[in-house]
Protein backbone atom coordinates (compact mmCIF):
# COMPACT_ATOMS: atom_id res chain seq x y z
CA UNK A 1 53.26 -8.69 14.12
CA UNK A 2 53.43 -6.06 16.85
CA UNK A 3 53.24 -2.47 15.62
CA UNK A 4 53.74 0.86 17.37
CA UNK A 5 52.08 4.26 17.08
CA UNK A 6 53.03 7.67 18.45
CA UNK A 7 51.37 8.28 21.83
CA UNK A 8 48.38 10.64 21.84
CA UNK A 9 49.49 11.98 25.25
CA UNK A 10 53.14 13.04 24.82
CA UNK A 11 54.24 11.59 21.53
CA UNK A 12 56.70 14.15 20.22
CA UNK A 13 57.89 17.55 21.41
CA UNK A 14 55.62 17.63 24.46
CA UNK A 15 56.60 20.10 27.20
CA UNK A 16 55.31 19.93 30.78
CA UNK A 17 54.97 22.72 33.40
CA UNK A 18 54.22 22.99 37.10
CA UNK A 19 51.21 24.91 38.44
CA UNK A 20 53.19 28.17 38.29
CA UNK A 21 53.96 27.74 34.59
CA UNK A 22 57.60 26.85 35.19
CA UNK A 23 59.03 24.09 32.98
CA UNK A 24 58.93 20.82 34.91
CA UNK A 25 62.71 20.22 34.94
CA UNK A 26 63.55 16.78 36.35
CA UNK A 27 59.86 15.78 36.29
CA UNK A 28 58.99 12.09 36.20
CA UNK A 29 56.49 10.52 33.70
CA UNK A 30 55.37 6.96 34.49
CA UNK A 31 53.44 4.71 32.04
CA UNK A 32 51.09 1.90 33.20
CA UNK A 33 48.58 -0.45 31.60
CA UNK A 34 45.32 1.47 31.50
CA UNK A 35 43.33 1.25 34.71
CA UNK A 36 46.11 -0.51 36.61
CA UNK A 37 49.31 0.11 38.56
CA UNK A 38 51.28 -2.27 36.33
CA UNK A 39 54.16 -0.51 34.67
CA UNK A 40 54.08 -0.83 30.89
CA UNK A 41 56.89 0.20 28.56
CA UNK A 42 56.85 2.84 25.87
CA UNK A 43 59.42 3.11 23.07
CA UNK A 44 61.70 5.72 21.56
CA UNK A 45 60.89 4.93 17.89
CA UNK A 46 58.26 3.21 15.74
CA UNK A 47 60.53 0.15 15.59
CA UNK A 48 59.76 -0.63 19.23
CA UNK A 49 63.27 -1.93 19.83
CA UNK A 50 64.43 0.59 22.46
CA UNK A 51 62.28 1.23 25.51
CA UNK A 52 62.05 4.56 27.25
CA UNK A 53 63.00 4.61 30.90
CA UNK A 54 60.03 4.19 33.22
CA UNK A 55 59.71 6.77 34.58
CA UNK A 56 60.91 9.07 31.81
CA UNK A 57 62.99 11.91 33.37
CA UNK A 58 62.15 15.31 31.82
CA UNK A 59 65.03 17.57 30.76
CA UNK A 60 65.71 21.15 31.91
CA UNK A 61 63.01 22.44 29.52
CA UNK A 62 60.38 20.03 30.90
CA UNK A 63 60.50 17.92 27.73
CA UNK A 64 60.90 14.16 27.22
CA UNK A 65 64.36 13.34 25.90
CA UNK A 66 62.86 11.01 23.25
CA UNK A 67 59.58 10.48 21.46
CA UNK A 68 56.99 8.22 23.11
CA UNK A 69 55.62 5.33 21.01
CA UNK A 70 52.91 2.92 22.31
CA UNK A 71 52.19 -0.66 21.33
CA UNK A 72 49.26 -0.71 18.89
CA UNK A 73 45.98 -1.69 20.56
CA UNK A 74 47.23 -0.99 24.09
CA UNK A 75 45.72 1.81 26.18
CA UNK A 76 48.04 3.40 28.75
CA UNK A 77 47.78 5.36 31.95
CA UNK A 78 50.36 8.19 32.38
CA UNK A 79 51.18 9.62 35.84
CA UNK A 80 53.25 12.85 36.07
CA UNK A 81 55.30 13.96 39.11
CA UNK A 82 57.71 16.83 39.71
CA UNK A 83 61.33 16.21 40.65
CA UNK A 84 60.48 15.81 44.34
CA UNK A 85 57.76 13.22 43.63
CA UNK A 86 54.78 15.55 44.05
CA UNK A 87 51.87 14.41 41.88
CA UNK A 88 51.06 16.75 39.00
CA UNK A 89 48.36 14.65 37.25
CA UNK A 90 47.08 11.21 36.22
CA UNK A 91 45.92 10.54 32.63
CA UNK A 92 44.22 7.16 31.98
CA UNK A 93 42.95 5.30 28.90
CA UNK A 94 45.34 6.97 26.48
CA UNK A 95 45.51 5.42 22.96
CA UNK A 96 48.18 5.94 20.37
CA UNK A 97 47.59 8.16 17.33
CA UNK A 98 45.87 6.45 14.33
CA UNK A 99 45.64 3.19 16.27
CA UNK A 100 42.94 1.10 14.54
CA UNK A 101 42.81 -1.24 17.53
CA UNK A 102 42.59 1.40 20.20
CA UNK A 103 38.99 2.27 19.26
CA UNK A 104 37.64 -0.63 17.26
CA UNK A 105 38.98 -4.15 16.99
CA UNK A 106 37.52 -7.18 15.24
CA UNK A 107 38.05 -10.17 17.48
CA UNK A 108 39.09 -13.59 16.25
CA UNK A 109 39.00 -17.22 17.47
CA UNK A 110 35.35 -16.82 18.50
CA UNK A 111 33.94 -19.80 20.42
CA UNK A 112 31.05 -20.60 22.71
CA UNK A 113 27.30 -20.04 22.74
CA UNK A 114 26.47 -18.21 25.95
CA UNK A 115 30.03 -18.13 27.37
CA UNK A 116 31.82 -16.54 24.44
CA UNK A 117 35.62 -16.38 24.21
CA UNK A 118 37.66 -14.38 21.73
CA UNK A 119 41.17 -13.19 20.92
CA UNK A 120 42.29 -9.62 20.17
CA UNK A 121 45.29 -8.47 18.16
CA UNK A 122 47.42 -7.28 19.86
CA UNK A 123 46.62 -9.09 23.09
CA UNK A 124 44.65 -7.12 25.66
CA UNK A 125 45.92 -6.75 29.19
CA UNK A 126 42.76 -5.04 30.46
CA UNK A 127 39.36 -3.87 29.26
CA UNK A 128 39.26 -0.12 28.61
CA UNK A 129 36.06 1.89 29.04
CA UNK A 130 34.81 3.03 25.64
CA UNK A 131 36.67 0.37 23.69
CA UNK A 132 34.55 -1.10 20.86
CA UNK A 133 34.93 -4.64 19.57
CA UNK A 134 33.24 -6.58 16.81
CA UNK A 135 33.07 -10.32 16.22
CA UNK A 136 31.34 -12.82 13.98
CA UNK A 137 29.30 -15.03 16.29
CA UNK A 138 30.06 -18.75 16.24
CA UNK A 139 26.60 -19.68 17.57
CA UNK A 140 23.18 -18.19 18.29
CA UNK A 141 22.82 -17.55 22.01
CA UNK A 142 20.10 -19.31 23.99
CA UNK A 143 20.01 -16.94 26.96
CA UNK A 144 22.16 -14.53 29.00
CA UNK A 145 25.73 -14.37 27.68
CA UNK A 146 29.27 -13.30 28.68
CA UNK A 147 32.38 -12.36 26.72
CA UNK A 148 36.01 -13.02 27.66
CA UNK A 149 38.76 -11.48 25.50
CA UNK A 150 42.28 -12.88 25.77
CA UNK A 151 41.33 -14.88 28.89
CA UNK A 152 40.41 -11.73 30.81
CA UNK A 153 37.44 -11.86 33.18
CA UNK A 154 34.23 -13.12 31.53
CA UNK A 155 32.00 -10.05 31.48
CA UNK A 156 28.24 -9.90 30.90
CA UNK A 157 26.95 -8.85 27.49
CA UNK A 158 23.86 -6.64 27.90
CA UNK A 159 21.37 -4.83 25.70
CA UNK A 160 19.29 -1.70 26.13
CA UNK A 161 21.62 -0.65 28.93
CA UNK A 162 21.91 -3.31 31.60
CA UNK A 163 19.26 -5.79 30.37
CA UNK A 164 20.50 -9.39 30.07
CA UNK A 165 20.39 -10.89 26.57
CA UNK A 166 17.46 -13.01 25.40
CA UNK A 167 17.71 -16.06 23.18
CA UNK A 168 18.52 -15.04 19.61
CA UNK A 169 19.98 -11.60 20.38
CA UNK A 170 23.30 -12.94 19.10
CA UNK A 171 22.95 -14.54 15.66
CA UNK A 172 25.29 -17.24 14.37
CA UNK A 173 27.46 -16.09 11.47
CA UNK A 174 26.53 -12.41 11.85
CA UNK A 175 28.69 -9.48 12.85
CA UNK A 176 28.04 -8.38 16.45
CA UNK A 177 29.23 -5.09 17.90
CA UNK A 178 29.90 -4.46 21.62
CA UNK A 179 31.26 -1.55 23.62
CA UNK A 180 32.77 -1.83 27.10
CA UNK A 181 31.04 0.60 29.49
CA UNK A 182 33.37 -0.04 32.44
CA UNK A 183 31.29 -2.92 33.79
CA UNK A 184 29.65 -4.80 30.90
CA UNK A 185 29.86 -5.20 27.15
CA UNK A 186 26.78 -3.47 25.73
CA UNK A 187 25.49 -5.08 22.55
CA UNK A 188 25.00 -2.20 20.12
CA UNK A 189 23.36 -3.89 17.12
CA UNK A 190 20.85 -6.30 18.65
CA UNK A 191 17.94 -4.33 17.11
CA UNK A 192 19.31 -5.11 13.66
CA UNK A 193 19.59 -8.86 14.20
CA UNK A 194 17.53 -9.96 17.14
CA UNK A 195 14.57 -7.78 17.94
CA UNK A 196 12.06 -5.05 17.29
CA UNK A 197 10.98 -1.97 19.19
CA UNK A 198 7.60 -2.16 20.96
CA UNK A 199 6.64 0.40 23.60
CA UNK A 200 10.31 1.42 23.86
CA UNK A 201 11.39 -2.12 24.77
CA UNK A 202 13.51 -4.51 22.75
CA UNK A 203 11.55 -7.73 22.18
CA UNK A 204 12.33 -10.94 20.33
CA UNK A 205 10.36 -11.81 17.21
CA UNK A 206 10.44 -15.55 17.70
CA UNK A 207 6.61 -15.49 17.60
CA UNK A 208 4.40 -13.56 15.14
CA UNK A 209 3.77 -9.89 15.93
CA UNK A 210 0.17 -9.49 17.07
CA UNK A 211 -2.37 -7.61 14.94
CA UNK A 212 -2.90 -5.22 17.85
CA UNK A 213 0.80 -4.27 17.57
CA UNK A 214 0.64 -3.72 13.83
CA UNK A 215 1.62 -7.25 12.78
CA UNK A 216 -0.16 -10.00 10.87
CA UNK A 217 -0.71 -12.36 13.80
CA UNK A 218 0.47 -15.25 11.64
CA UNK A 219 3.82 -16.88 11.02
CA UNK A 220 2.99 -18.15 7.51
CA UNK A 221 0.33 -17.63 4.87
CA UNK A 222 -1.13 -20.09 2.39
CA UNK A 223 0.54 -19.63 -0.97
CA UNK A 224 -1.48 -17.58 -3.50
CA UNK A 225 -4.29 -16.85 -1.04
CA UNK A 226 -5.81 -13.42 -0.50
CA UNK A 227 -5.47 -11.87 2.99
CA UNK A 228 -8.67 -10.86 4.76
CA UNK A 229 -8.73 -8.57 7.81
CA UNK A 230 -10.12 -10.18 10.96
CA UNK A 231 -10.48 -7.33 13.47
CA UNK A 232 -7.90 -7.91 16.25
CA UNK A 233 -7.35 -11.60 15.42
CA UNK A 234 -4.90 -13.08 12.92
CA UNK A 235 -5.56 -12.48 9.24
CA UNK A 236 -7.86 -14.91 7.46
CA UNK A 237 -7.02 -16.20 3.99
CA UNK A 238 -9.23 -16.88 1.00
CA UNK A 239 -7.94 -19.61 -1.31
CA UNK A 240 -8.29 -19.15 -5.09
CA UNK A 241 -10.50 -22.26 -5.27
CA UNK A 242 -11.80 -23.11 -8.77
CA UNK A 243 -10.06 -21.71 -11.84
CA UNK A 244 -11.83 -18.60 -13.10
CA UNK A 245 -13.35 -17.65 -9.73
CA UNK A 246 -13.61 -14.01 -8.65
CA UNK A 247 -13.78 -12.25 -5.28
CA UNK A 248 -17.38 -11.38 -4.46
CA UNK A 249 -18.91 -9.57 -1.50
CA UNK A 250 -22.11 -10.36 0.35
CA UNK A 251 -22.03 -6.95 2.00
CA UNK A 252 -20.16 -8.26 5.04
CA UNK A 253 -17.22 -10.38 3.90
CA UNK A 254 -15.53 -11.72 0.77
CA UNK A 255 -15.49 -15.13 -0.85
CA UNK A 256 -14.04 -16.88 -3.90
CA UNK A 257 -17.07 -17.47 -6.11
CA UNK A 258 -18.02 -18.58 -9.59
CA UNK A 259 -18.50 -15.45 -11.72
CA UNK A 260 -22.03 -14.58 -12.84
CA UNK A 261 -23.24 -16.40 -15.95
CA UNK A 262 -24.48 -14.59 -19.00
CA UNK A 263 -21.92 -14.83 -21.79
CA UNK A 264 -22.80 -12.60 -24.72
CA UNK A 265 -23.92 -14.43 -27.87
CA UNK A 266 -24.35 -11.50 -30.28
CA UNK A 267 -22.87 -8.10 -31.04
CA UNK A 268 -24.17 -5.41 -28.68
CA UNK A 269 -25.24 -7.77 -25.89
CA UNK A 270 -24.35 -7.09 -22.26
CA UNK A 271 -24.82 -9.13 -19.03
CA UNK A 272 -28.15 -7.96 -17.68
CA UNK A 273 -29.96 -8.87 -14.45
CA UNK A 274 -33.70 -8.80 -13.95
CA UNK A 275 -33.66 -10.25 -10.42
CA UNK A 276 -30.49 -8.83 -8.84
CA UNK A 277 -28.71 -12.20 -8.58
CA UNK A 278 -28.35 -13.79 -12.02
CA UNK A 279 -27.33 -12.40 -15.38
CA UNK A 280 -28.44 -13.14 -18.91
CA UNK A 281 -26.99 -11.80 -22.16
CA UNK A 282 -29.30 -9.04 -23.35
CA UNK A 283 -29.36 -6.69 -26.31
CA UNK A 284 -29.63 -3.51 -24.28
CA UNK A 285 -30.97 -1.52 -27.25
CA UNK A 286 -33.23 -3.85 -29.19
CA UNK A 287 -34.74 -3.17 -32.59
CA UNK A 288 -38.03 -4.74 -33.56
CA UNK A 289 -38.88 -6.04 -37.01
CA UNK A 290 -40.16 -3.36 -39.37
CA UNK A 291 -43.79 -3.84 -40.45
CA UNK A 292 -45.24 -2.46 -43.69
CA UNK A 293 -48.31 -0.28 -43.33
CA UNK A 294 -49.98 -1.02 -46.63
CA UNK A 295 -53.19 -2.44 -45.19
CA UNK A 296 -55.17 -2.85 -41.99
CA UNK A 297 -56.23 -0.41 -39.31
CA UNK A 298 -53.43 -1.15 -36.80
CA UNK A 299 -49.94 -2.62 -36.27
CA UNK A 300 -49.08 -4.29 -32.93
CA UNK A 301 -45.66 -4.91 -31.36
CA UNK A 302 -45.98 -7.42 -28.49
CA UNK A 303 -43.77 -9.40 -26.08
CA UNK A 304 -41.88 -6.29 -24.99
CA UNK A 305 -39.62 -7.30 -22.01
CA UNK A 306 -40.58 -6.16 -18.52
CA UNK A 307 -37.26 -4.37 -17.95
CA UNK A 308 -37.81 -1.86 -20.78
CA UNK A 309 -37.82 1.78 -19.69
CA UNK A 310 -37.84 3.62 -23.04
CA UNK A 311 -39.48 2.91 -26.43
CA UNK A 312 -38.99 4.76 -29.71
CA UNK A 313 -41.76 4.40 -32.34
CA UNK A 314 -40.57 5.16 -35.90
CA UNK A 315 -42.58 6.06 -39.03
CA UNK A 316 -41.33 6.01 -42.64
CA UNK A 317 -43.59 7.33 -45.45
CA UNK A 318 -46.76 6.19 -43.68
CA UNK A 319 -50.18 7.19 -45.10
CA UNK A 320 -53.84 6.18 -44.68
CA UNK A 321 -56.92 6.28 -46.85
CA UNK A 322 -58.65 8.86 -44.64
CA UNK A 323 -58.25 11.92 -42.43
CA UNK A 324 -58.27 10.31 -38.96
CA UNK A 325 -55.13 11.15 -36.95
CA UNK A 326 -52.58 8.44 -36.24
CA UNK A 327 -52.17 7.50 -32.55
CA UNK A 328 -50.04 5.16 -30.40
CA UNK A 329 -51.65 2.98 -27.72
CA UNK A 330 -49.96 0.81 -25.08
CA UNK A 331 -51.06 -1.95 -22.77
CA UNK A 332 -50.34 -4.80 -20.37
CA UNK A 333 -51.93 -8.05 -21.56
CA UNK A 334 -54.29 -6.02 -23.76
CA UNK A 335 -54.27 -2.59 -25.37
CA UNK A 336 -55.61 0.30 -23.30
CA UNK A 337 -57.92 2.45 -25.48
CA UNK A 338 -58.93 5.28 -23.13
CA UNK A 339 -57.67 7.51 -20.33
CA UNK A 340 -54.85 9.17 -22.31
CA UNK A 341 -54.09 12.87 -22.12
CA UNK A 342 -52.40 13.82 -25.40
CA UNK A 343 -52.01 16.81 -27.65
CA UNK A 344 -50.47 17.53 -31.04
CA UNK A 345 -49.96 20.65 -33.12
CA UNK A 346 -49.06 20.85 -36.81
CA UNK A 347 -47.55 23.90 -38.40
CA UNK A 348 -48.28 24.40 -42.11
CA UNK A 349 -49.63 27.70 -43.38
CA UNK A 350 -51.56 27.82 -40.12
CA UNK A 351 -51.18 26.01 -36.79
CA UNK A 352 -53.71 23.32 -36.05
CA UNK A 353 -53.93 21.55 -32.68
CA UNK A 354 -55.91 18.54 -31.45
CA UNK A 355 -56.30 16.59 -28.19
CA UNK A 356 -56.96 12.90 -27.62
CA UNK A 357 -57.97 10.57 -24.78
CA UNK A 358 -57.88 7.48 -27.03
CA UNK A 359 -54.12 7.39 -27.49
CA UNK A 360 -50.86 9.31 -27.81
CA UNK A 361 -51.18 11.56 -30.84
CA UNK A 362 -48.67 11.37 -33.67
CA UNK A 363 -50.42 13.76 -36.07
CA UNK A 364 -52.70 16.77 -35.68
CA UNK A 365 -54.36 17.22 -39.10
CA UNK A 366 -53.88 14.94 -42.10
CA UNK A 367 -55.48 14.28 -45.42
CA UNK A 368 -55.79 11.01 -47.26
CA UNK A 369 -52.83 12.11 -49.33
CA UNK A 370 -50.57 12.98 -46.34
CA UNK A 371 -47.30 11.03 -45.97
CA UNK A 372 -45.85 10.80 -42.41
CA UNK A 373 -42.20 10.30 -41.34
CA UNK A 374 -40.47 10.77 -37.94
CA UNK A 375 -40.63 9.25 -34.46
CA UNK A 376 -42.00 9.64 -30.93
CA UNK A 377 -40.39 8.44 -27.72
CA UNK A 378 -42.18 6.83 -24.76
CA UNK A 379 -40.50 6.89 -21.33
CA UNK A 380 -41.56 5.09 -18.13
CA UNK A 381 -42.53 7.67 -15.51
CA UNK A 382 -43.24 5.11 -12.79
CA UNK A 383 -46.21 3.06 -11.53
CA UNK A 384 -46.70 1.74 -15.09
CA UNK A 385 -47.35 5.25 -16.40
CA UNK A 386 -45.60 6.41 -19.58
CA UNK A 387 -45.02 9.84 -21.11
CA UNK A 388 -44.44 10.66 -24.78
CA UNK A 389 -42.91 13.35 -26.95
CA UNK A 390 -41.96 13.50 -30.59
CA UNK A 391 -41.67 15.27 -33.88
CA UNK A 392 -43.08 14.03 -37.19
CA UNK A 393 -43.22 15.55 -40.64
CA UNK A 394 -45.97 15.56 -43.26
CA UNK A 395 -43.68 15.43 -46.26
CA UNK A 396 -46.43 15.93 -48.86
CA UNK A 397 -47.95 19.04 -47.28
CA UNK A 398 -44.79 20.54 -45.81
CA UNK A 399 -45.98 20.46 -42.20
CA UNK A 400 -44.30 19.53 -38.92
CA UNK A 401 -46.16 17.99 -35.98
CA UNK A 402 -45.07 18.40 -32.35
CA UNK A 403 -46.74 15.97 -30.01
CA UNK A 404 -46.70 14.86 -26.37
CA UNK A 405 -48.84 13.17 -23.76
CA UNK A 406 -49.20 10.71 -20.90
CA UNK A 407 -50.83 7.28 -20.61
CA UNK A 408 -53.17 6.17 -17.85
CA UNK A 409 -51.64 3.85 -15.23
CA UNK A 410 -51.61 0.44 -16.88
CA UNK A 411 -52.87 -2.63 -15.06
CA UNK A 412 -49.39 -4.15 -15.14
CA UNK A 413 -45.97 -3.87 -16.76
CA UNK A 414 -46.15 -2.66 -20.38
CA UNK A 415 -45.75 -5.50 -22.88
CA UNK A 416 -47.27 -4.12 -26.12
CA UNK A 417 -47.47 -1.07 -28.38
CA UNK A 418 -50.11 -0.44 -31.10
CA UNK A 419 -50.01 2.06 -34.00
CA UNK A 420 -53.53 2.79 -35.27
CA UNK A 421 -55.93 5.51 -36.44
CA UNK A 422 -58.01 7.48 -33.99
CA UNK A 423 -61.36 6.41 -35.52
CA UNK A 424 -60.25 2.79 -35.78
CA UNK A 425 -61.64 2.42 -39.31
CA UNK A 426 -59.26 4.31 -41.63
CA UNK A 427 -56.71 1.88 -43.05
CA UNK A 428 -53.01 2.17 -43.82
CA UNK A 429 -52.07 2.20 -47.48
CA UNK A 430 -48.31 2.95 -47.62
CA UNK A 431 -45.03 3.01 -45.63
CA UNK A 432 -43.63 1.07 -42.67
CA UNK A 433 -43.25 1.32 -38.87
CA UNK A 434 -40.87 -0.13 -36.30
CA UNK A 435 -39.83 0.26 -32.66
CA UNK A 436 -36.60 0.39 -30.60
CA UNK A 437 -36.70 -0.42 -26.90
CA UNK A 438 -34.10 -0.19 -24.08
């Protein structure tokens, strides 16, 4: 159905004047199809049933005798003369007011791939510069393309100004938007559907975007694989491989690998490596078995692991049958009995201090009736040398011993600890001892 809208040029109540400001009495107003010399009618009302004269003769006040209504979707050219046919002005490409087709029109009956045809409503008689049209493409173009509306001249569709279309710039089933620039239809939305911006140029993405341009370099990726950077080449992928595998690094790249072994088997165990490559479950803080000190001149704890860095020696109600001080000795393969530098001081009513080279002192002055409780700690200094410090109490004589020292460099990694008496002959007669190592 043809509709009509009031002209944007001289729709209602317009008055025209000559160059001196005098009303243009008897002036002549011609209407043509935009951009042509083909006369085209205007109408006196929105019904479009009565045409204005062409030209319209202005009255004594320089006004049109009737309103001017244009066919919807048609752009007009108006040419104004005075009564003696002297040209006053030419006004081209004039739409009607609130004309939805004068600025933007969705085309119908779309056909063709590269030679596209379409129909406008109402029918176009000419292309007007600045007119915008949309259409749903029937096919995806395979190269340069043209558009013909209402059998008018097939006109090139361009992008990025005057650049011919590339394959895929027009996408089947998608809304395309073009604007007539006076020579071609410029495709406005090709970036949305058919390309990407690289170095200010519109390019097709029919092939993967290179890594050097910020892309992945690949068209597809293996499902569930992990992507791995590959400098300027396409991404590499790492497949999950065996169930339970983890990503591990060799310092250069990554791989899907079996996780380290070493499942804990007891409370307090942790995976622990002694060689930097394999793990075993280890009790990181290990308690030895307590030994009663009711007889003998010494108690040995052996088979201490090579990874141990700290040892705590504990005493509970320990006593001997003599007055020789209690010492701790260490060793590698055998107990080292000399070369120590140790000192201990006991505070009772007076302070008594002693030194020893035979072992790490635990007491400073005891009697056969003294009962010892407390602990000393040994720490690995390095190069198989250990230091000690501790505090013990003589519970029967109300005295506290402070002790410390250093071992000689052992011949190898420490593997044993001995608790004994300095003279090597006094025997234990009460209490118990134990160690913790970590």
